């Protein structure tokens, strides 16, 4: 099994990285492979709403001058997806949001590529805004029929300068528990899918309010 983590921070060794690494450390203890991808250091533009991914259904975004299509395939091949973002104005970082909008829209238009995978989100924050950031990240996971493990509190850790989250003992415990629960959930999914047939996938019904 394999988990791929996406870091929306431009700081390679910042607090978001440390939160993600704490979660991944516990997942690795369960014998699961992990990989961290830096999203925040890349130049990623937002979705153009061109619907080419719907027209072609080739599991690709029409924009090809950044790593998003490579990341889409990494998520498709992974058993678990972990999302992490710093808090920018009480929300997800801009580059991370652009990546997620495109990657999850491509998934939606290509038969729901991430369905029934385990997925979790974390945020690193100086003071406030961590909960809405995690909530926004989780929107992508729940929309995609993914299974979301939890810690024993909202998956947010506090720190301003890089490394300060290490002083947040509760935050660190939350990340450790999230990693353990995510590893356990992935193992349950793997074993259970051999014995119990998953629900059939259905075509999405879209109801517009304006007619």
Protein backbone atom coordinates (compact mmCIF):
# COMPACT_ATOMS: atom_id res chain seq x y z
CA UNK A 1 0.00 0.00 0.00
CA UNK A 2 1.03 3.58 -0.58
CA UNK A 3 0.10 7.05 0.68
CA UNK A 4 0.90 10.21 -1.26
CA UNK A 5 0.92 13.52 0.65
CA UNK A 6 0.58 16.94 -0.94
CA UNK A 7 2.09 19.95 0.82
CA UNK A 8 0.55 23.29 -0.11
CA UNK A 9 3.23 25.31 1.67
CA UNK A 10 6.11 27.02 -0.16
CA UNK A 11 8.36 26.13 2.80
CA UNK A 12 9.98 22.71 2.41
CA UNK A 13 10.73 22.40 6.12
CA UNK A 14 7.93 24.58 7.49
CA UNK A 15 5.22 23.68 9.97
CA UNK A 16 2.95 22.11 7.34
CA UNK A 17 5.78 19.75 6.34
CA UNK A 18 6.35 18.83 9.95
CA UNK A 19 2.67 18.06 10.49
CA UNK A 20 2.54 15.90 7.37
CA UNK A 21 5.77 14.11 8.31
CA UNK A 22 4.37 13.28 11.75
CA UNK A 23 1.30 11.69 10.14
CA UNK A 24 3.42 9.88 7.54
CA UNK A 25 5.78 8.61 10.23
CA UNK A 26 2.97 6.70 11.90
CA UNK A 27 1.75 5.38 8.55
CA UNK A 28 5.24 4.12 7.74
CA UNK A 29 5.34 2.23 11.07
CA UNK A 30 2.44 0.16 9.69
CA UNK A 31 4.60 -0.86 6.73
CA UNK A 32 2.91 1.46 4.25
CA UNK A 33 4.98 3.36 1.67
CA UNK A 34 4.75 7.14 1.69
CA UNK A 35 5.70 10.03 -0.56
CA UNK A 36 5.54 13.81 0.00
CA UNK A 37 5.01 16.16 -2.93
CA UNK A 38 5.65 19.89 -2.64
CA UNK A 39 2.78 21.76 -4.28
CA UNK A 40 3.50 25.16 -2.79
CA UNK A 41 6.87 25.51 -4.51
CA UNK A 42 5.39 25.04 -8.00
CA UNK A 43 3.67 27.46 -10.38
CA UNK A 44 0.14 26.07 -10.69
CA UNK A 45 -2.68 28.08 -12.24
CA UNK A 46 -6.35 27.49 -11.58
CA UNK A 47 -8.96 25.60 -13.59
CA UNK A 48 -9.97 27.30 -16.85
CA UNK A 49 -13.46 25.73 -16.89
CA UNK A 50 -12.87 24.58 -20.47
CA UNK A 51 -14.30 21.09 -19.83
CA UNK A 52 -11.65 19.46 -22.03
CA UNK A 53 -11.21 16.77 -19.36
CA UNK A 54 -14.90 15.92 -19.84
CA UNK A 55 -14.69 15.94 -23.64
CA UNK A 56 -11.56 13.80 -23.85
CA UNK A 57 -11.93 11.71 -20.66
CA UNK A 58 -8.22 10.93 -20.77
CA UNK A 59 -7.58 11.56 -17.05
CA UNK A 60 -5.70 14.75 -17.90
CA UNK A 61 -6.08 18.47 -17.45
CA UNK A 62 -5.61 20.45 -20.66
CA UNK A 63 -2.92 22.57 -18.95
CA UNK A 64 0.34 20.66 -19.42
CA UNK A 65 3.09 23.05 -18.34
CA UNK A 66 3.00 22.05 -14.66
CA UNK A 67 3.07 18.74 -12.70
CA UNK A 68 -0.69 18.46 -12.05
CA UNK A 69 -1.30 15.60 -14.53
CA UNK A 70 1.58 13.66 -12.98
CA UNK A 71 0.09 14.23 -9.53
CA UNK A 72 -3.34 13.08 -10.70
CA UNK A 73 -1.86 9.72 -11.68
CA UNK A 74 0.00 9.45 -8.38
CA UNK A 75 -3.31 9.93 -6.54
CA UNK A 76 -5.05 7.40 -8.78
CA UNK A 77 -2.38 4.79 -8.04
CA UNK A 78 -2.21 5.49 -4.29
CA UNK A 79 -4.30 3.80 -1.61
CA UNK A 80 -4.35 6.90 0.57
CA UNK A 81 -4.16 10.65 -0.06
CA UNK A 82 -3.03 13.16 2.55
CA UNK A 83 -3.54 16.90 2.05
CA UNK A 84 -1.77 19.63 4.01
CA UNK A 85 -1.91 23.41 3.81
CA UNK A 86 -0.73 26.45 5.71
CA UNK A 87 -3.48 28.92 6.57
CA UNK A 88 -3.69 31.97 4.31
CA UNK A 89 -6.42 34.44 5.34
CA UNK A 90 -8.29 31.66 7.18
CA UNK A 91 -8.19 29.42 4.11
CA UNK A 92 -6.20 27.08 1.90
CA UNK A 93 -3.08 28.43 0.18
CA UNK A 94 -3.70 29.63 -3.38
CA UNK A 95 -1.43 27.16 -5.17
CA UNK A 96 -2.93 24.24 -3.26
CA UNK A 97 -6.46 25.36 -4.12
CA UNK A 98 -5.60 25.66 -7.82
CA UNK A 99 -4.10 22.16 -7.82
CA UNK A 100 -7.04 20.58 -5.99
CA UNK A 101 -9.67 22.27 -8.17
CA UNK A 102 -8.07 20.82 -11.28
CA UNK A 103 -7.09 17.41 -9.95
CA UNK A 104 -10.48 16.66 -8.43
CA UNK A 105 -12.40 18.05 -11.39
CA UNK A 106 -10.44 15.72 -13.70
CA UNK A 107 -11.26 12.86 -11.33
CA UNK A 108 -14.96 13.73 -11.38
CA UNK A 109 -15.03 13.84 -15.18
CA UNK A 110 -13.19 10.50 -15.44
CA UNK A 111 -15.35 8.09 -13.45
CA UNK A 112 -14.26 9.29 -9.98
CA UNK A 113 -10.60 8.24 -9.91
CA UNK A 114 -10.15 8.49 -6.12
CA UNK A 115 -13.36 6.73 -5.04
CA UNK A 116 -13.08 4.59 -1.88
CA UNK A 117 -9.50 5.60 -1.11
CA UNK A 118 -8.57 6.81 2.38
CA UNK A 119 -8.04 10.56 2.55
CA UNK A 120 -7.18 13.04 5.30
CA UNK A 121 -6.28 16.70 5.71
CA UNK A 122 -4.12 18.75 8.08
CA UNK A 123 -3.39 22.44 8.56
CA UNK A 124 -0.64 24.41 10.27
CA UNK A 125 -1.65 27.82 11.59
CA UNK A 126 -0.24 30.63 13.69
CA UNK A 127 -3.46 31.50 15.52
CA UNK A 128 -6.86 30.92 13.88
CA UNK A 129 -8.34 29.69 10.61
CA UNK A 130 -7.11 26.11 10.85
CA UNK A 131 -10.55 24.52 11.14
CA UNK A 132 -12.03 26.19 8.02
CA UNK A 133 -8.85 25.29 6.13
CA UNK A 134 -9.15 21.59 7.03
CA UNK A 135 -12.88 21.75 6.29
CA UNK A 136 -12.17 23.11 2.80
CA UNK A 137 -9.60 20.39 2.13
CA UNK A 138 -12.05 17.74 3.30
CA UNK A 139 -14.67 19.01 0.83
CA UNK A 140 -12.62 17.48 -1.99
CA UNK A 141 -12.33 14.13 -0.19
CA UNK A 142 -15.99 13.78 0.77
CA UNK A 143 -17.19 14.84 -2.68
CA UNK A 144 -15.10 12.01 -4.15
CA UNK A 145 -16.59 9.23 -1.98
CA UNK A 146 -13.34 8.88 -0.07
CA UNK A 147 -13.11 7.62 3.54
CA UNK A 148 -11.81 10.18 6.04
CA UNK A 149 -10.09 9.06 9.28
CA UNK A 150 -9.74 11.42 12.22
CA UNK A 151 -7.58 12.22 15.21
CA UNK A 152 -8.96 13.06 18.66
CA UNK A 153 -9.55 16.72 17.74
CA UNK A 154 -9.54 18.83 14.60
CA UNK A 155 -6.39 18.03 12.62
CA UNK A 156 -4.71 21.39 13.16
CA UNK A 157 -1.38 22.24 14.80
CA UNK A 158 -0.20 25.67 15.89
CA UNK A 159 3.08 27.43 15.22
CA UNK A 160 4.34 30.60 13.57
CA UNK A 161 8.02 30.23 12.71
CA UNK A 162 9.18 26.94 11.13
CA UNK A 163 9.45 24.25 13.79
CA UNK A 164 7.15 25.85 16.35
CA UNK A 165 4.49 23.18 15.84
CA UNK A 166 6.87 20.80 17.62
CA UNK A 167 6.01 22.71 20.82
CA UNK A 168 2.29 22.06 20.34
CA UNK A 169 2.05 18.78 22.25
CA UNK A 170 -1.66 18.37 21.60
CA UNK A 171 -1.22 19.15 17.92
CA UNK A 172 1.52 16.55 17.62
CA UNK A 173 -0.64 13.94 19.33
CA UNK A 174 -3.49 14.72 16.93
CA UNK A 175 -1.18 14.15 13.94
CA UNK A 176 0.17 10.90 15.40
CA UNK A 177 -3.34 9.57 16.01
CA UNK A 178 -4.42 10.61 12.53
CA UNK A 179 -1.52 8.62 11.06
CA UNK A 180 -2.36 5.54 13.11
CA UNK A 181 -6.06 5.75 12.27
CA UNK A 182 -5.36 6.31 8.58
CA UNK A 183 -3.04 3.29 8.42
CA UNK A 184 -5.62 1.15 10.23
CA UNK A 185 -8.43 2.33 7.95
CA UNK A 186 -6.40 1.55 4.85
CA UNK A 187 -5.74 -1.96 6.11
CA UNK A 188 -9.44 -2.43 6.88
CA UNK A 189 -10.37 -1.25 3.38
CA UNK A 190 -7.84 -3.61 1.78
CA UNK A 191 -9.00 -6.65 3.76
CA UNK A 192 -12.70 -5.80 3.62
CA UNK A 193 -12.74 -5.25 -0.14
CA UNK A 194 -11.65 -8.86 -0.64
CA UNK A 195 -14.59 -10.19 1.37
CA UNK A 196 -17.37 -7.67 0.79
CA UNK A 197 -18.36 -6.28 -2.57
CA UNK A 198 -18.38 -2.46 -2.52
CA UNK A 199 -21.53 -0.56 -3.51
CA UNK A 200 -21.94 -0.14 -7.23
CA UNK A 201 -20.82 3.17 -8.63
CA UNK A 202 -23.69 5.34 -9.84
CA UNK A 203 -23.92 8.10 -12.39
CA UNK A 204 -24.14 11.48 -10.72
CA UNK A 205 -27.45 13.32 -10.83
CA UNK A 206 -27.11 17.09 -11.27
CA UNK A 207 -30.11 19.22 -10.40
CA UNK A 208 -29.91 22.89 -11.34
CA UNK A 209 -31.96 25.32 -9.29
CA UNK A 210 -32.40 27.86 -12.08
CA UNK A 211 -34.49 26.62 -15.02
